Amino acid sequence: MKHAFRKIIPLLLTLCIALSGCAAQEAEKKDSSKLQIVCTNFPAYDFAREMAGDRAQIKLLIKPGAEVHSYEPAPKEIVAIQESDLFICNGGESEAWVESLVSDDVNVLRMMDCVETVAESSEGIYASDHDHEGEHDHDADHDHEHEEELDEHVWTTPGNAAKICYALCDKLCELDPDNANEYMLNYEVYNAKLMELDIDIRTTVMNGVRKTLVFADRFPMRYFTREYGLTYYAAYPGCASQTEPSAKTVAFLIDHVREENIPAVLYMEFSNEKMADVICEDTGCKKLPFYSAHSITAQQFEDGVTYLDLMRMNIETLKEALY
């Protein structure tokens, strides 16, 4: 599928350029006095509006509530990217289409380039190969050694968010030097909020009576747990396609909830919560939401919910899960 998509990219670009006049009529009117910024996901969008303020028109490609891992741009979105002053994407395998789509003259900021990345880890995660004990595929192991997959959820710590925003501020100053002082001030104000958030998370973790979290769901919080010295158990890696738990997966998590006297299991935003419900029914613990901030609901978007808001909701969850 990925290779087929790459083959049709030149044709799509030709078509999009030819139809750009029609697409422009349907799109939101552009303000020529403002920078045009296009973002793939919510963290990029939220950081851009914090850094640019009223100096930019910012377009979010992946709509609130949409599936983030299977997104591919529509023709009019390709036009928006090509005509933008700055395109902010995450990078990584889930956005592999970017490398084929974006021409050299598009100004691109990849959030994964702004921080020190880590590999997705199977530690603490009930991986699918647990279901095949005794059946070991050495060729598969060999392939894994050479195809280390990076965890793409780089924005999930305030420290990484600050690094991304610093790089974004630098880009804005380069694109619009006349307003550089304003962008730098925006960064300083927002960075102070991020550092305050970081301190509050550290204090919450330090005051907890335990240091283990159980995720009855995907696990996109590796950067977070690594930064704050937390251990974890989870059903699937961050970008896993699984949605229905096996009996062995549920049993694996139930055992750890009981062994470590875990008061609450966590589920990620947009989860169907089925696994959390089963574990809670069996162990008597409660279920609580945890936010990666990868996307938000349409209602949250309309209400103006921010990255900082979601991370502070996580602090309240930590106070119940760790205390």
C-alpha atoms as a PDB file:
ATOM      1  CA  MET A   1       0.000   0.000   0.000  1.00  0.00           C
ATOM      2  CA  LYS A   2       2.790   2.377   0.961  1.00  0.00           C
ATOM      3  CA  HIS A   3       4.699   1.737  -2.295  1.00  0.00           C
ATOM      4  CA  ALA A   4       1.555   2.141  -4.371  1.00  0.00           C
ATOM      5  CA  PHE A   5       0.866   5.475  -2.688  1.00  0.00           C
ATOM      6  CA  ARG A   6       4.366   6.681  -3.506  1.00  0.00           C
ATOM      7  CA  LYS A   7       3.917   5.802  -7.181  1.00  0.00           C
ATOM      8  CA  ILE A   8       0.831   7.964  -7.537  1.00  0.00           C
ATOM      9  CA  ILE A   9       2.289  10.966  -5.685  1.00  0.00           C
ATOM     10  CA  PRO A  10       3.667  12.687  -8.847  1.00  0.00           C
ATOM     11  CA  LEU A  11       0.274  12.300 -10.522  1.00  0.00           C
ATOM     12  CA  LEU A  12      -1.481  13.638  -7.438  1.00  0.00           C
ATOM     13  CA  LEU A  13       0.809  16.656  -7.300  1.00  0.00           C
ATOM     14  CA  THR A  14       0.185  17.452 -10.959  1.00  0.00           C
ATOM     15  CA  LEU A  15      -3.561  17.136 -10.456  1.00  0.00           C
ATOM     16  CA  CYS A  16      -3.488  19.218  -7.272  1.00  0.00           C
ATOM     17  CA  ILE A  17      -1.558  22.049  -8.885  1.00  0.00           C
ATOM     18  CA  ALA A  18      -3.936  22.054 -11.849  1.00  0.00           C
ATOM     19  CA  LEU A  19      -6.937  22.184  -9.545  1.00  0.00           C
ATOM     20  CA  SER A  20      -5.439  24.534  -6.950  1.00  0.00           C
ATOM     21  CA  GLY A  21      -7.674  27.372  -8.099  1.00  0.00           C
ATOM     22  CA  CYS A  22     -10.795  25.270  -7.442  1.00  0.00           C
ATOM     23  CA  ALA A  23      -9.438  24.052  -4.101  1.00  0.00           C
ATOM     24  CA  ALA A  24      -8.673  27.597  -3.043  1.00  0.00           C
ATOM     25  CA  GLN A  25     -12.313  28.586  -3.593  1.00  0.00           C
ATOM     26  CA  GLU A  26     -13.427  25.862  -1.166  1.00  0.00           C
ATOM     27  CA  ALA A  27     -10.711  26.430   1.403  1.00  0.00           C
ATOM     28  CA  GLU A  28     -10.657  28.960   4.164  1.00  0.00           C
ATOM     29  CA  LYS A  29      -9.715  32.390   2.853  1.00  0.00           C
ATOM     30  CA  LYS A  30      -6.053  33.137   3.330  1.00  0.00           C
ATOM     31  CA  ASP A  31      -4.817  36.304   4.990  1.00  0.00           C
ATOM     32  CA  SER A  32      -1.750  37.328   3.004  1.00  0.00           C
ATOM     33  CA  SER A  33      -0.480  39.345   5.965  1.00  0.00           C
ATOM     34  CA  LYS A  34      -0.108  36.186   8.070  1.00  0.00           C
ATOM     35  CA  LEU A  35       2.149  33.160   7.886  1.00  0.00           C
ATOM     36  CA  GLN A  36       0.425  30.043   6.560  1.00  0.00           C
ATOM     37  CA  ILE A  37       1.212  27.051   8.780  1.00  0.00           C
ATOM     38  CA  VAL A  38      -0.028  23.505   8.163  1.00  0.00           C
ATOM     39  CA  CYS A  39       0.220  20.857  10.914  1.00  0.00           C
ATOM     40  CA  THR A  40      -0.448  17.131  10.780  1.00  0.00           C
ATOM     41  CA  ASN A  41      -1.443  16.460  14.401  1.00  0.00           C
ATOM     42  CA  PHE A  42      -2.830  18.267  17.433  1.00  0.00           C
ATOM     43  CA  PRO A  43       0.439  18.770  19.393  1.00  0.00           C
ATOM     44  CA  ALA A  44       2.013  20.488  16.377  1.00  0.00           C
ATOM     45  CA  TYR A  45      -1.104  22.625  15.941  1.00  0.00           C
ATOM     46  CA  ASP A  46      -1.254  23.615  19.602  1.00  0.00           C
ATOM     47  CA  PHE A  47       2.457  24.466  19.783  1.00  0.00           C
ATOM     48  CA  ALA A  48       2.168  26.514  16.583  1.00  0.00           C
ATOM     49  CA  ARG A  49      -0.684  28.641  17.892  1.00  0.00           C
ATOM     50  CA  GLU A  50       1.223  29.233  21.137  1.00  0.00           C
ATOM     51  CA  MET A  51       4.396  30.289  19.315  1.00  0.00           C
ATOM     52  CA  ALA A  52       2.858  32.254  16.432  1.00  0.00           C
ATOM     53  CA  GLY A  53      -0.144  33.802  18.167  1.00  0.00           C
ATOM     54  CA  ASP A  54      -2.107  36.040  15.798  1.00  0.00           C
ATOM     55  CA  ARG A  55       0.758  36.204  13.299  1.00  0.00           C
ATOM     56  CA  ALA A  56      -0.286  33.002  11.515  1.00  0.00           C
ATOM     57  CA  GLN A  57      -3.209  31.101  10.071  1.00  0.00           C
ATOM     58  CA  ILE A  58      -2.828  27.514  11.214  1.00  0.00           C
ATOM     59  CA  LYS A  59      -4.442  24.506   9.555  1.00  0.00           C
ATOM     60  CA  LEU A  60      -4.805  21.132  11.299  1.00  0.00           C
ATOM     61  CA  LEU A  61      -4.857  18.250   8.805  1.00  0.00           C
ATOM     62  CA  ILE A  62      -5.946  15.350  11.035  1.00  0.00           C
ATOM     63  CA  LYS A  63      -9.357  16.437  12.221  1.00  0.00           C
ATOM     64  CA  PRO A  64     -10.320  16.118  15.910  1.00  0.00           C
ATOM     65  CA  GLY A  65     -11.465  12.600  16.706  1.00  0.00           C
ATOM     66  CA  ALA A  66     -10.047  11.070  13.499  1.00  0.00           C
ATOM     67  CA  GLU A  67      -7.801   7.996  13.476  1.00  0.00           C
ATOM     68  CA  VAL A  68      -4.260   9.376  13.518  1.00  0.00           C
ATOM     69  CA  HIS A  69      -2.293   6.300  12.441  1.00  0.00           C
ATOM     70  CA  SER A  70      -4.014   5.703   9.099  1.00  0.00           C
ATOM     71  CA  TYR A  71      -4.277   9.275   7.828  1.00  0.00           C
ATOM     72  CA  GLU A  72      -3.378  10.115   4.230  1.00  0.00           C
ATOM     73  CA  PRO A  73      -3.865  13.635   2.819  1.00  0.00           C
ATOM     74  CA  ALA A  74      -6.661  14.572   0.438  1.00  0.00           C
ATOM     75  CA  PRO A  75      -5.726  16.455  -2.770  1.00  0.00           C
ATOM     76  CA  LYS A  76      -6.752  19.850  -1.362  1.00  0.00           C
ATOM     77  CA  GLU A  77      -4.610  19.157   1.714  1.00  0.00           C
ATOM     78  CA  ILE A  78      -1.639  18.415  -0.517  1.00  0.00           C
ATOM     79  CA  VAL A  79      -2.179  21.834  -2.087  1.00  0.00           C
ATOM     80  CA  ALA A  80      -2.287  23.458   1.368  1.00  0.00           C
ATOM     81  CA  ILE A  81       1.020  21.812   2.322  1.00  0.00           C
ATOM     82  CA  GLN A  82       2.725  22.849  -0.913  1.00  0.00           C
ATOM     83  CA  GLU A  83       1.541  26.449  -0.552  1.00  0.00           C
ATOM     84  CA  SER A  84       2.323  26.808   3.168  1.00  0.00           C
ATOM     85  CA  ASP A  85       5.085  28.920   4.662  1.00  0.00           C
ATOM     86  CA  LEU A  86       5.750  26.167   7.195  1.00  0.00           C
ATOM     87  CA  PHE A  87       4.666  22.535   7.375  1.00  0.00           C
ATOM     88  CA  ILE A  88       4.938  20.930  10.825  1.00  0.00           C
ATOM     89  CA  CYS A  89       4.750  17.152  10.971  1.00  0.00           C
ATOM     90  CA  ASN A  90       5.777  14.505  13.442  1.00  0.00           C
ATOM     91  CA  GLY A  91       7.972  12.388  11.180  1.00  0.00           C
ATOM     92  CA  GLY A  92       8.405   8.643  11.544  1.00  0.00           C
ATOM     93  CA  GLU A  93       6.763   5.617   9.967  1.00  0.00           C
ATOM     94  CA  SER A  94       3.185   6.735  10.580  1.00  0.00           C
ATOM     95  CA  GLU A  95       3.871   9.787   8.398  1.00  0.00           C
ATOM     96  CA  ALA A  96       5.952   8.043   5.740  1.00  0.00           C
ATOM     97  CA  TRP A  97       3.805   9.718   3.079  1.00  0.00           C
ATOM     98  CA  VAL A  98       5.470  13.043   3.924  1.00  0.00           C
ATOM     99  CA  GLU A  99       8.810  12.024   2.412  1.00  0.00           C
ATOM    100  CA  SER A 100       7.196  11.214  -0.937  1.00  0.00           C
ATOM    101  CA  LEU A 101       4.788  14.106  -0.952  1.00  0.00           C
ATOM    102  CA  VAL A 102       6.702  17.145   0.227  1.00  0.00           C
ATOM    103  CA  SER A 103       8.917  18.849  -2.346  1.00  0.00           C
ATOM    104  CA  ASP A 104      12.292  20.351  -1.484  1.00  0.00           C
ATOM    105  CA  ASP A 105      10.967  23.912  -1.553  1.00  0.00           C
ATOM    106  CA  VAL A 106       8.503  23.274   1.311  1.00  0.00           C
ATOM    107  CA  ASN A 107       9.767  24.479   4.680  1.00  0.00           C
ATOM    108  CA  VAL A 108       9.354  21.470   6.988  1.00  0.00           C
ATOM    109  CA  LEU A 109       9.764  21.083  10.739  1.00  0.00           C
ATOM    110  CA  ARG A 110       9.725  17.459  11.937  1.00  0.00           C
ATOM    111  CA  MET A 111       9.077  17.210  15.657  1.00  0.00           C
ATOM    112  CA  MET A 112      11.056  13.960  15.916  1.00  0.00           C
ATOM    113  CA  ASP A 113      14.135  15.868  14.700  1.00  0.00           C
ATOM    114  CA  CYS A 114      13.861  18.282  17.632  1.00  0.00           C
ATOM    115  CA  VAL A 115      14.417  15.760  20.455  1.00  0.00           C
ATOM    116  CA  GLU A 116      16.398  12.695  21.407  1.00  0.00           C
ATOM    117  CA  THR A 117      14.248   9.787  20.240  1.00  0.00           C
ATOM    118  CA  VAL A 118      13.993   6.368  21.897  1.00  0.00           C
ATOM    119  CA  ALA A 119      13.033   3.006  20.454  1.00  0.00           C
ATOM    120  CA  GLU A 120       9.679   1.431  21.145  1.00  0.00           C
ATOM    121  CA  SER A 121      10.274  -1.105  23.884  1.00  0.00           C
ATOM    122  CA  SER A 122       8.560  -4.408  24.610  1.00  0.00           C
ATOM    123  CA  GLU A 123       9.525  -4.138  28.276  1.00  0.00           C
ATOM    124  CA  GLY A 124       6.389  -4.231  30.397  1.00  0.00           C
ATOM    125  CA  ILE A 125       4.201  -4.884  27.347  1.00  0.00           C
ATOM    126  CA  TYR A 126       2.344  -8.114  26.686  1.00  0.00           C
ATOM    127  CA  ALA A 127       3.638  -8.577  23.134  1.00  0.00           C
ATOM    128  CA  SER A 128       1.967 -10.956  20.702  1.00  0.00           C
ATOM    129  CA  ASP A 129       4.854 -13.432  20.897  1.00  0.00           C
ATOM    130  CA  HIS A 130       3.787 -14.267  24.475  1.00  0.00           C
ATOM    131  CA  ASP A 131       0.968 -16.235  22.874  1.00  0.00           C
ATOM    132  CA  HIS A 132       3.463 -18.550  21.163  1.00  0.00           C
ATOM    133  CA  GLU A 133       5.738 -19.707  23.941  1.00  0.00           C
ATOM    134  CA  GLY A 134       8.172 -22.289  22.639  1.00  0.00           C
ATOM    135  CA  GLU A 135       7.694 -21.178  19.023  1.00  0.00           C
ATOM    136  CA  HIS A 136      10.655 -18.953  18.346  1.00  0.00           C
ATOM    137  CA  ASP A 137      11.262 -17.470  14.904  1.00  0.00           C
ATOM    138  CA  HIS A 138      14.972 -16.637  14.786  1.00  0.00           C
ATOM    139  CA  ASP A 139      14.650 -14.971  11.397  1.00  0.00           C
ATOM    140  CA  ALA A 140      12.032 -12.636  12.837  1.00  0.00           C
ATOM    141  CA  ASP A 141      14.305 -11.858  15.772  1.00  0.00           C
ATOM    142  CA  HIS A 142      17.110 -11.080  13.340  1.00  0.00           C
ATOM    143  CA  ASP A 143      14.854  -8.724  11.400  1.00  0.00           C
ATOM    144  CA  HIS A 144      13.823  -6.919  14.588  1.00  0.00           C
ATOM    145  CA  GLU A 145      17.448  -6.323  15.490  1.00  0.00           C
ATOM    146  CA  HIS A 146      17.945  -4.418  12.251  1.00  0.00           C
ATOM    147  CA  GLU A 147      14.573  -2.700  12.060  1.00  0.00           C
ATOM    148  CA  GLU A 148      14.381  -0.901  15.373  1.00  0.00           C
ATOM    149  CA  GLU A 149      11.190   1.100  15.455  1.00  0.00           C
ATOM    150  CA  LEU A 150      11.333   4.529  17.076  1.00  0.00           C
ATOM    151  CA  ASP A 151       8.630   5.660  19.455  1.00  0.00           C
ATOM    152  CA  GLU A 152       7.000   8.564  17.641  1.00  0.00           C
ATOM    153  CA  HIS A 153       5.121  10.116  20.584  1.00  0.00           C
ATOM    154  CA  VAL A 154       7.894  12.612  21.280  1.00  0.00           C
ATOM    155  CA  TRP A 155       5.694  15.444  22.578  1.00  0.00           C
ATOM    156  CA  THR A 156       4.466  13.558  25.666  1.00  0.00           C
ATOM    157  CA  THR A 157       6.860  15.218  28.123  1.00  0.00           C
ATOM    158  CA  PRO A 158       6.959  18.961  28.839  1.00  0.00           C
ATOM    159  CA  GLY A 159      10.732  18.910  28.317  1.00  0.00           C
ATOM    160  CA  ASN A 160      10.387  17.565  24.796  1.00  0.00           C
ATOM    161  CA  ALA A 161       7.517  19.957  24.122  1.00  0.00           C
ATOM    162  CA  ALA A 162       9.844  22.812  25.084  1.00  0.00           C
ATOM    163  CA  LYS A 163      12.526  21.600  22.649  1.00  0.00           C
ATOM    164  CA  ILE A 164       9.970  21.374  19.845  1.00  0.00           C
ATOM    165  CA  CYS A 165       8.683  24.866  20.620  1.00  0.00           C
ATOM    166  CA  TYR A 166      12.219  26.255  20.675  1.00  0.00           C
ATOM    167  CA  ALA A 167      12.853  24.854  17.180  1.00  0.00           C
ATOM    168  CA  LEU A 168       9.484  26.193  16.037  1.00  0.00           C
ATOM    169  CA  CYS A 169      10.238  29.651  17.430  1.00  0.00           C
ATOM    170  CA  ASP A 170      13.561  29.611  15.566  1.00  0.00           C
ATOM    171  CA  LYS A 171      11.735  28.773  12.318  1.00  0.00           C
ATOM    172  CA  LEU A 172       9.223  31.570  12.818  1.00  0.00           C
ATOM    173  CA  CYS A 173      11.976  34.104  13.480  1.00  0.00           C
ATOM    174  CA  GLU A 174      13.669  32.995  10.269  1.00  0.00           C
ATOM    175  CA  LEU A 175      10.452  33.268   8.243  1.00  0.00           C
ATOM    176  CA  ASP A 176       9.290  36.561   9.759  1.00  0.00           C
ATOM    177  CA  PRO A 177      12.288  38.424  11.243  1.00  0.00           C
ATOM    178  CA  ASP A 178      10.300  41.649  11.663  1.00  0.00           C
ATOM    179  CA  ASN A 179       8.267  39.969  14.425  1.00  0.00           C
ATOM    180  CA  ALA A 180      11.073  37.862  15.904  1.00  0.00           C
ATOM    181  CA  ASN A 181      10.880  39.567  19.296  1.00  0.00           C
ATOM    182  CA  GLU A 182       7.221  38.661  19.582  1.00  0.00           C
ATOM    183  CA  TYR A 183       7.891  34.994  18.769  1.00  0.00           C
ATOM    184  CA  MET A 184      10.733  34.848  21.281  1.00  0.00           C
ATOM    185  CA  LEU A 185       8.507  36.353  23.963  1.00  0.00           C
ATOM    186  CA  ASN A 186       5.788  33.822  23.149  1.00  0.00           C
ATOM    187  CA  TYR A 187       8.332  31.050  23.583  1.00  0.00           C
ATOM    188  CA  GLU A 188       9.582  32.394  26.913  1.00  0.00           C
ATOM    189  CA  VAL A 189       6.039  32.657  28.301  1.00  0.00           C
ATOM    190  CA  TYR A 190       5.031  29.185  27.117  1.00  0.00           C
ATOM    191  CA  ASN A 191       8.311  27.592  28.179  1.00  0.00           C
ATOM    192  CA  ALA A 192       7.722  28.891  31.716  1.00  0.00           C
ATOM    193  CA  LYS A 193       4.327  27.147  31.717  1.00  0.00           C
ATOM    194  CA  LEU A 194       5.906  23.923  30.469  1.00  0.00           C
ATOM    195  CA  MET A 195       8.582  24.027  33.156  1.00  0.00           C
ATOM    196  CA  GLU A 196       5.927  24.625  35.822  1.00  0.00           C
ATOM    197  CA  LEU A 197       4.034  21.618  34.457  1.00  0.00           C
ATOM    198  CA  ASP A 198       7.202  19.522  34.586  1.00  0.00           C
ATOM    199  CA  ILE A 199       7.779  20.425  38.239  1.00  0.00           C
ATOM    200  CA  ASP A 200       4.177  19.576  39.118  1.00  0.00           C
ATOM    201  CA  ILE A 201       4.447  16.155  37.461  1.00  0.00           C
ATOM    202  CA  ARG A 202       7.729  15.416  39.246  1.00  0.00           C
ATOM    203  CA  THR A 203       6.237  16.457  42.584  1.00  0.00           C
ATOM    204  CA  THR A 204       3.173  14.283  42.008  1.00  0.00           C
ATOM    205  CA  VAL A 205       5.307  11.243  41.144  1.00  0.00           C
ATOM    206  CA  MET A 206       7.686  11.856  44.065  1.00  0.00           C
ATOM    207  CA  ASN A 207       4.801  12.016  46.544  1.00  0.00           C
ATOM    208  CA  GLY A 208       3.216   8.803  45.278  1.00  0.00           C
ATOM    209  CA  VAL A 209       3.369   5.585  47.313  1.00  0.00           C
ATOM    210  CA  ARG A 210       4.018   3.509  44.173  1.00  0.00           C
ATOM    211  CA  LYS A 211       5.840   4.016  40.884  1.00  0.00           C
ATOM    212  CA  THR A 212       3.971   1.596  38.601  1.00  0.00           C
ATOM    213  CA  LEU A 213       1.221   2.317  36.086  1.00  0.00           C
ATOM    214  CA  VAL A 214      -0.953  -0.260  34.317  1.00  0.00           C
ATOM    215  CA  PHE A 215      -2.310   0.632  30.872  1.00  0.00           C
ATOM    216  CA  ALA A 216      -5.175  -1.572  29.699  1.00  0.00           C
ATOM    217  CA  ASP A 217      -4.561  -0.220  26.243  1.00  0.00           C
ATOM    218  CA  ARG A 218      -1.928   0.887  23.748  1.00  0.00           C
ATOM    219  CA  PHE A 219       1.141   2.442  25.342  1.00  0.00           C
ATOM    220  CA  PRO A 220       2.216   5.750  23.747  1.00  0.00           C
ATOM    221  CA  MET A 221       3.760   7.129  26.962  1.00  0.00           C
ATOM    222  CA  ARG A 222       7.301   5.723  26.882  1.00  0.00           C
ATOM    223  CA  TYR A 223       8.934   9.157  26.889  1.00  0.00           C
ATOM    224  CA  PHE A 224       6.744  10.146  29.834  1.00  0.00           C
ATOM    225  CA  THR A 225       7.444   7.111  32.033  1.00  0.00           C
ATOM    226  CA  ARG A 226      11.142   7.210  31.147  1.00  0.00           C
ATOM    227  CA  GLU A 227      11.428  10.885  32.077  1.00  0.00           C
ATOM    228  CA  TYR A 228       9.664  10.548  35.430  1.00  0.00           C
ATOM    229  CA  GLY A 229      11.106   7.228  36.582  1.00  0.00           C
ATOM    230  CA  LEU A 230       7.887   5.231  36.337  1.00  0.00           C
ATOM    231  CA  THR A 231       7.551   1.548  35.540  1.00  0.00           C
ATOM    232  CA  TYR A 232       4.597   0.300  33.536  1.00  0.00           C
ATOM    233  CA  TYR A 233       2.660  -2.670  32.234  1.00  0.00           C
ATOM    234  CA  ALA A 234       0.614  -2.376  29.064  1.00  0.00           C
ATOM    235  CA  ALA A 235      -1.251  -4.464  26.513  1.00  0.00           C
ATOM    236  CA  TYR A 236       0.184  -3.131  23.247  1.00  0.00           C
ATOM    237  CA  PRO A 237       2.902  -0.784  21.952  1.00  0.00           C
ATOM    238  CA  GLY A 238       1.959   2.806  21.135  1.00  0.00           C
ATOM    239  CA  CYS A 239       1.141   2.355  17.450  1.00  0.00           C
ATOM    240  CA  ALA A 240      -0.168  -1.212  17.646  1.00  0.00           C
ATOM    241  CA  SER A 241      -3.139  -2.118  15.487  1.00  0.00           C
ATOM    242  CA  GLN A 242      -4.707  -4.413  18.088  1.00  0.00           C
ATOM    243  CA  THR A 243      -7.953  -3.272  19.661  1.00  0.00           C
ATOM    244  CA  GLU A 244      -9.445  -6.501  21.026  1.00  0.00           C
ATOM    245  CA  PRO A 245      -7.616  -8.049  23.998  1.00  0.00           C
ATOM    246  CA  SER A 246      -6.786 -11.748  24.176  1.00  0.00           C
ATOM    247  CA  ALA A 247      -7.513 -13.679  27.370  1.00  0.00           C
ATOM    248  CA  LYS A 248      -3.772 -14.006  28.019  1.00  0.00           C
ATOM    249  CA  THR A 249      -3.272 -10.248  27.697  1.00  0.00           C
ATOM    250  CA  VAL A 250      -6.022  -9.538  30.217  1.00  0.00           C
ATOM    251  CA  ALA A 251      -4.673 -12.185  32.606  1.00  0.00           C
ATOM    252  CA  PHE A 252      -1.161 -10.688  32.336  1.00  0.00           C
ATOM    253  CA  LEU A 253      -2.428  -7.259  33.434  1.00  0.00           C
ATOM    254  CA  ILE A 254      -4.782  -8.611  36.106  1.00  0.00           C
ATOM    255  CA  ASP A 255      -1.878 -10.477  37.692  1.00  0.00           C
ATOM    256  CA  HIS A 256       0.172  -7.284  37.956  1.00  0.00           C
ATOM    257  CA  VAL A 257      -2.760  -5.248  39.315  1.00  0.00           C
ATOM    258  CA  ARG A 258      -3.188  -7.815  42.095  1.00  0.00           C
ATOM    259  CA  GLU A 259       0.516  -8.396  42.783  1.00  0.00           C
ATOM    260  CA  GLU A 260       1.293  -4.694  43.141  1.00  0.00           C
ATOM    261  CA  ASN A 261      -2.025  -3.613  44.647  1.00  0.00           C
ATOM    262  CA  ILE A 262      -2.676  -1.149  41.809  1.00  0.00           C
ATOM    263  CA  PRO A 263      -5.705   1.064  42.640  1.00  0.00           C
ATOM    264  CA  ALA A 264      -6.500   2.112  39.049  1.00  0.00           C
ATOM    265  CA  VAL A 265      -5.908   0.940  35.489  1.00  0.00           C
ATOM    266  CA  LEU A 266      -5.488   3.510  32.752  1.00  0.00           C
ATOM    267  CA  TYR A 267      -6.952   3.763  29.269  1.00  0.00           C
ATOM    268  CA  MET A 268      -5.951   6.154  26.485  1.00  0.00           C
ATOM    269  CA  GLU A 269      -8.175   8.701  24.777  1.00  0.00           C
ATOM    270  CA  PHE A 270     -10.442   7.189  22.095  1.00  0.00           C
ATOM    271  CA  SER A 271     -10.127   3.753  23.715  1.00  0.00           C
ATOM    272  CA  ASN A 272     -13.153   1.440  23.666  1.00  0.00           C
ATOM    273  CA  GLU A 273     -12.310   0.776  27.349  1.00  0.00           C
ATOM    274  CA  LYS A 274     -13.279  -2.907  27.080  1.00  0.00           C
ATOM    275  CA  MET A 275     -10.056  -4.246  28.553  1.00  0.00           C
ATOM    276  CA  ALA A 276     -10.125  -1.728  31.387  1.00  0.00           C
ATOM    277  CA  ASP A 277     -13.710  -2.745  32.195  1.00  0.00           C
ATOM    278  CA  VAL A 278     -12.799  -6.444  32.375  1.00  0.00           C
ATOM    279  CA  ILE A 279      -9.807  -5.791  34.646  1.00  0.00           C
ATOM    280  CA  CYS A 280     -11.820  -3.527  36.934  1.00  0.00           C
ATOM    281  CA  GLU A 281     -14.620  -6.065  37.234  1.00  0.00           C
ATOM    282  CA  ASP A 282     -12.142  -8.804  38.130  1.00  0.00           C
ATOM    283  CA  THR A 283      -9.937  -6.850  40.554  1.00  0.00           C
ATOM    284  CA  GLY A 284     -12.196  -4.142  41.959  1.00  0.00           C
ATOM    285  CA  CYS A 285      -9.859  -1.335  40.892  1.00  0.00           C
ATOM    286  CA  LYS A 286     -11.101   1.762  39.088  1.00  0.00           C
ATOM    287  CA  LYS A 287     -10.397   2.910  35.536  1.00  0.00           C
ATOM    288  CA  LEU A 288      -9.026   6.347  34.701  1.00  0.00           C
ATOM    289  CA  PRO A 289      -8.259   8.181  31.435  1.00  0.00           C
ATOM    290  CA  PHE A 290      -4.736   9.146  30.406  1.00  0.00           C
ATOM    291  CA  TYR A 291      -4.027  11.540  27.551  1.00  0.00           C
ATOM    292  CA  SER A 292      -1.234  11.280  25.010  1.00  0.00           C
ATOM    293  CA  ALA A 293      -2.595  14.487  23.376  1.00  0.00           C
ATOM    294  CA  HIS A 294      -2.085  12.922  19.940  1.00  0.00           C
ATOM    295  CA  SER A 295      -5.608  14.045  19.091  1.00  0.00           C
ATOM    296  CA  ILE A 296      -8.656  15.496  20.811  1.00  0.00           C
ATOM    297  CA  THR A 297     -12.402  15.240  20.366  1.00  0.00           C
ATOM    298  CA  ALA A 298     -14.382  17.696  18.274  1.00  0.00           C
ATOM    299  CA  GLN A 299     -15.975  19.041  21.461  1.00  0.00           C
ATOM    300  CA  GLN A 300     -12.582  19.556  23.117  1.00  0.00           C
ATOM    301  CA  PHE A 301     -11.360  21.341  20.002  1.00  0.00           C
ATOM    302  CA  GLU A 302     -14.407  23.623  20.043  1.00  0.00           C
ATOM    303  CA  ASP A 303     -13.863  24.290  23.761  1.00  0.00           C
ATOM    304  CA  GLY A 304     -10.245  25.325  23.155  1.00  0.00           C
ATOM    305  CA  VAL A 305      -8.626  22.489  25.112  1.00  0.00           C
ATOM    306  CA  THR A 306      -4.826  22.681  24.980  1.00  0.00           C
ATOM    307  CA  TYR A 307      -1.821  20.410  25.435  1.00  0.00           C
ATOM    308  CA  LEU A 308      -1.295  21.937  28.878  1.00  0.00           C
ATOM    309  CA  ASP A 309      -4.909  21.175  29.837  1.00  0.00           C
ATOM    310  CA  LEU A 310      -4.531  17.516  28.879  1.00  0.00           C
ATOM    311  CA  MET A 311      -1.245  17.109  30.727  1.00  0.00           C
ATOM    312  CA  ARG A 312      -2.784  18.630  33.857  1.00  0.00           C
ATOM    313  CA  MET A 313      -5.645  16.128  33.573  1.00  0.00           C
ATOM    314  CA  ASN A 314      -2.942  13.451  33.615  1.00  0.00           C
ATOM    315  CA  ILE A 315      -1.593  14.857  36.883  1.00  0.00           C
ATOM    316  CA  GLU A 316      -5.007  14.330  38.479  1.00  0.00           C
ATOM    317  CA  THR A 317      -5.016  10.756  37.182  1.00  0.00           C
ATOM    318  CA  LEU A 318      -1.526  10.162  38.599  1.00  0.00           C
ATOM    319  CA  LYS A 319      -2.701  11.329  42.018  1.00  0.00           C
ATOM    320  CA  GLU A 320      -5.212   8.482  42.039  1.00  0.00           C
ATOM    321  CA  ALA A 321      -3.119   5.839  40.307  1.00  0.00           C
ATOM    322  CA  LEU A 322       0.074   6.347  42.356  1.00  0.00           C
ATOM    323  CA  TYR A 323      -1.336   7.331  45.760  1.00  0.00           C
END
